């Protein structure tokens, strides 16, 4: 804490330290409601974990049950095919442009 009044603040704090007596242990007492609330928080934190598709598949009956994994695999394959078609189309356009540039160059230079 950076302050000119640090000593003024420190004078206000008091930490109680119980003195041992009776040779009897006095552990901290935590109310049951607080312990239950902490347990609920831990339980909710574990519930918020992301379920993987394999976990969902296992919950829904195993590998024989219809799964979205196959859907994603087929979608990825379709996207790859579409990308390949776009690349082929772009290559064809590049070839046409190259031929057009060659023809234009030949016309300009009268080859």
C-alpha atoms as a PDB file:
ATOM      1  CA  UNK A   1       0.000   0.000   0.000  1.00  0.00           C
ATOM      2  CA  UNK A   2       1.564   3.278  -1.082  1.00  0.00           C
ATOM      3  CA  UNK A   3       0.289   6.196   0.877  1.00  0.00           C
ATOM      4  CA  UNK A   4       1.469   8.963   3.148  1.00  0.00           C
ATOM      5  CA  UNK A   5      -1.176   7.916   5.640  1.00  0.00           C
ATOM      6  CA  UNK A   6      -0.024   4.311   5.799  1.00  0.00           C
ATOM      7  CA  UNK A   7       0.696   4.456   9.507  1.00  0.00           C
ATOM      8  CA  UNK A   8      -2.765   5.901  10.159  1.00  0.00           C
ATOM      9  CA  UNK A   9      -4.337   2.960   8.347  1.00  0.00           C
ATOM     10  CA  UNK A  10      -2.147   0.394  10.075  1.00  0.00           C
ATOM     11  CA  UNK A  11      -3.185   1.727  13.481  1.00  0.00           C
ATOM     12  CA  UNK A  12      -6.807   0.884  12.654  1.00  0.00           C
ATOM     13  CA  UNK A  13      -6.151  -2.805  12.002  1.00  0.00           C
ATOM     14  CA  UNK A  14      -6.085  -5.366  14.764  1.00  0.00           C
ATOM     15  CA  UNK A  15      -5.627  -9.078  14.258  1.00  0.00           C
ATOM     16  CA  UNK A  16      -6.929 -11.196  17.099  1.00  0.00           C
ATOM     17  CA  UNK A  17      -4.778 -14.189  17.961  1.00  0.00           C
ATOM     18  CA  UNK A  18      -6.397 -16.501  20.515  1.00  0.00           C
ATOM     19  CA  UNK A  19      -4.196 -17.712  23.330  1.00  0.00           C
ATOM     20  CA  UNK A  20      -4.119 -21.448  23.961  1.00  0.00           C
ATOM     21  CA  UNK A  21      -5.872 -22.542  27.124  1.00  0.00           C
ATOM     22  CA  UNK A  22      -7.252 -25.730  28.677  1.00  0.00           C
ATOM     23  CA  UNK A  23      -4.957 -27.812  26.446  1.00  0.00           C
ATOM     24  CA  UNK A  24      -7.982 -28.264  24.230  1.00  0.00           C
ATOM     25  CA  UNK A  25      -7.964 -28.025  20.449  1.00  0.00           C
ATOM     26  CA  UNK A  26     -10.257 -25.445  18.995  1.00  0.00           C
ATOM     27  CA  UNK A  27     -10.271 -25.906  15.215  1.00  0.00           C
ATOM     28  CA  UNK A  28     -11.984 -23.335  13.024  1.00  0.00           C
ATOM     29  CA  UNK A  29     -15.736 -23.744  12.876  1.00  0.00           C
ATOM     30  CA  UNK A  30     -17.142 -23.523   9.347  1.00  0.00           C
ATOM     31  CA  UNK A  31     -20.954 -23.553   9.085  1.00  0.00           C
ATOM     32  CA  UNK A  32     -22.502 -26.413   7.115  1.00  0.00           C
ATOM     33  CA  UNK A  33     -24.266 -24.001   4.776  1.00  0.00           C
ATOM     34  CA  UNK A  34     -20.927 -22.531   3.753  1.00  0.00           C
ATOM     35  CA  UNK A  35     -19.478 -25.986   3.113  1.00  0.00           C
ATOM     36  CA  UNK A  36     -22.536 -26.907   1.017  1.00  0.00           C
ATOM     37  CA  UNK A  37     -22.222 -23.681  -0.979  1.00  0.00           C
ATOM     38  CA  UNK A  38     -18.552 -24.423  -1.697  1.00  0.00           C
ATOM     39  CA  UNK A  39     -19.443 -27.964  -2.765  1.00  0.00           C
ATOM     40  CA  UNK A  40     -22.112 -26.588  -5.133  1.00  0.00           C
ATOM     41  CA  UNK A  41     -19.597 -24.191  -6.680  1.00  0.00           C
ATOM     42  CA  UNK A  42     -17.155 -27.027  -7.289  1.00  0.00           C
ATOM     43  CA  UNK A  43     -19.928 -29.175  -8.760  1.00  0.00           C
ATOM     44  CA  UNK A  44     -21.077 -26.385 -11.072  1.00  0.00           C
ATOM     45  CA  UNK A  45     -17.504 -25.753 -12.201  1.00  0.00           C
ATOM     46  CA  UNK A  46     -17.158 -29.388 -13.229  1.00  0.00           C
ATOM     47  CA  UNK A  47     -20.512 -29.282 -15.040  1.00  0.00           C
ATOM     48  CA  UNK A  48     -19.420 -26.296 -17.120  1.00  0.00           C
ATOM     49  CA  UNK A  49     -16.702 -28.317 -18.834  1.00  0.00           C
ATOM     50  CA  UNK A  50     -17.105 -28.619 -22.578  1.00  0.00           C
ATOM     51  CA  UNK A  51     -18.596 -31.911 -23.712  1.00  0.00           C
ATOM     52  CA  UNK A  52     -16.703 -33.375 -26.621  1.00  0.00           C
ATOM     53  CA  UNK A  53     -18.590 -35.087 -29.398  1.00  0.00           C
ATOM     54  CA  UNK A  54     -17.158 -38.437 -28.361  1.00  0.00           C
ATOM     55  CA  UNK A  55     -18.542 -37.862 -24.847  1.00  0.00           C
ATOM     56  CA  UNK A  56     -21.950 -36.989 -26.282  1.00  0.00           C
ATOM     57  CA  UNK A  57     -21.810 -40.090 -28.468  1.00  0.00           C
ATOM     58  CA  UNK A  58     -21.078 -42.251 -25.415  1.00  0.00           C
ATOM     59  CA  UNK A  59     -23.959 -40.642 -23.509  1.00  0.00           C
ATOM     60  CA  UNK A  60     -26.372 -41.275 -26.388  1.00  0.00           C
ATOM     61  CA  UNK A  61     -25.723 -44.962 -26.780  1.00  0.00           C
ATOM     62  CA  UNK A  62     -22.238 -45.467 -28.114  1.00  0.00           C
ATOM     63  CA  UNK A  63     -20.752 -45.678 -31.584  1.00  0.00           C
ATOM     64  CA  UNK A  64     -23.825 -47.321 -33.137  1.00  0.00           C
ATOM     65  CA  UNK A  65     -25.926 -44.264 -32.379  1.00  0.00           C
ATOM     66  CA  UNK A  66     -26.019 -41.611 -35.102  1.00  0.00           C
ATOM     67  CA  UNK A  67     -23.369 -39.046 -34.503  1.00  0.00           C
ATOM     68  CA  UNK A  68     -22.493 -35.575 -35.618  1.00  0.00           C
ATOM     69  CA  UNK A  69     -18.875 -36.674 -36.110  1.00  0.00           C
ATOM     70  CA  UNK A  70     -19.720 -38.202 -39.485  1.00  0.00           C
ATOM     71  CA  UNK A  71     -21.570 -35.007 -40.372  1.00  0.00           C
ATOM     72  CA  UNK A  72     -18.458 -32.930 -39.640  1.00  0.00           C
ATOM     73  CA  UNK A  73     -16.239 -35.322 -41.605  1.00  0.00           C
ATOM     74  CA  UNK A  74     -18.508 -35.153 -44.657  1.00  0.00           C
ATOM     75  CA  UNK A  75     -18.795 -31.378 -44.334  1.00  0.00           C
ATOM     76  CA  UNK A  76     -14.996 -31.094 -44.211  1.00  0.00           C
ATOM     77  CA  UNK A  77     -14.692 -33.279 -47.309  1.00  0.00           C
ATOM     78  CA  UNK A  78     -17.279 -31.175 -49.154  1.00  0.00           C
ATOM     79  CA  UNK A  79     -15.474 -27.980 -48.153  1.00  0.00           C
ATOM     80  CA  UNK A  80     -12.174 -29.440 -49.377  1.00  0.00           C
ATOM     81  CA  UNK A  81     -13.761 -30.368 -52.720  1.00  0.00           C
ATOM     82  CA  UNK A  82     -15.244 -26.882 -53.059  1.00  0.00           C
ATOM     83  CA  UNK A  83     -11.864 -25.320 -52.298  1.00  0.00           C
ATOM     84  CA  UNK A  84     -10.188 -27.578 -54.879  1.00  0.00           C
ATOM     85  CA  UNK A  85     -12.767 -26.530 -57.489  1.00  0.00           C
ATOM     86  CA  UNK A  86     -12.102 -22.866 -56.677  1.00  0.00           C
ATOM     87  CA  UNK A  87      -8.354 -23.415 -57.061  1.00  0.00           C
ATOM     88  CA  UNK A  88      -8.875 -25.140 -60.413  1.00  0.00           C
ATOM     89  CA  UNK A  89     -11.115 -22.290 -61.577  1.00  0.00           C
ATOM     90  CA  UNK A  90      -8.525 -19.735 -60.472  1.00  0.00           C
ATOM     91  CA  UNK A  91      -5.794 -21.672 -62.289  1.00  0.00           C
ATOM     92  CA  UNK A  92      -7.904 -21.648 -65.464  1.00  0.00           C
ATOM     93  CA  UNK A  93      -8.387 -17.886 -65.139  1.00  0.00           C
ATOM     94  CA  UNK A  94      -4.639 -17.422 -64.670  1.00  0.00           C
ATOM     95  CA  UNK A  95      -3.970 -19.457 -67.831  1.00  0.00           C
ATOM     96  CA  UNK A  96      -6.467 -17.364 -69.812  1.00  0.00           C
ATOM     97  CA  UNK A  97      -4.916 -14.143 -68.520  1.00  0.00           C
ATOM     98  CA  UNK A  98      -1.414 -15.402 -69.348  1.00  0.00           C
ATOM     99  CA  UNK A  99      -2.481 -16.236 -72.915  1.00  0.00           C
ATOM    100  CA  UNK A 100      -4.167 -12.837 -73.249  1.00  0.00           C
ATOM    101  CA  UNK A 101      -1.024 -11.076 -72.021  1.00  0.00           C
ATOM    102  CA  UNK A 102       1.104 -13.084 -74.457  1.00  0.00           C
ATOM    103  CA  UNK A 103      -1.209 -12.199 -77.356  1.00  0.00           C
ATOM    104  CA  UNK A 104      -1.283  -8.532 -76.335  1.00  0.00           C
ATOM    105  CA  UNK A 105       2.501  -8.491 -76.090  1.00  0.00           C
ATOM    106  CA  UNK A 106       2.810 -10.096 -79.526  1.00  0.00           C
ATOM    107  CA  UNK A 107       0.423  -7.539 -81.016  1.00  0.00           C
ATOM    108  CA  UNK A 108       2.263  -4.615 -79.432  1.00  0.00           C
ATOM    109  CA  UNK A 109       5.683  -5.862 -80.511  1.00  0.00           C
ATOM    110  CA  UNK A 110       4.296  -7.138 -83.828  1.00  0.00           C
ATOM    111  CA  UNK A 111       5.890 -10.529 -83.483  1.00  0.00           C
END
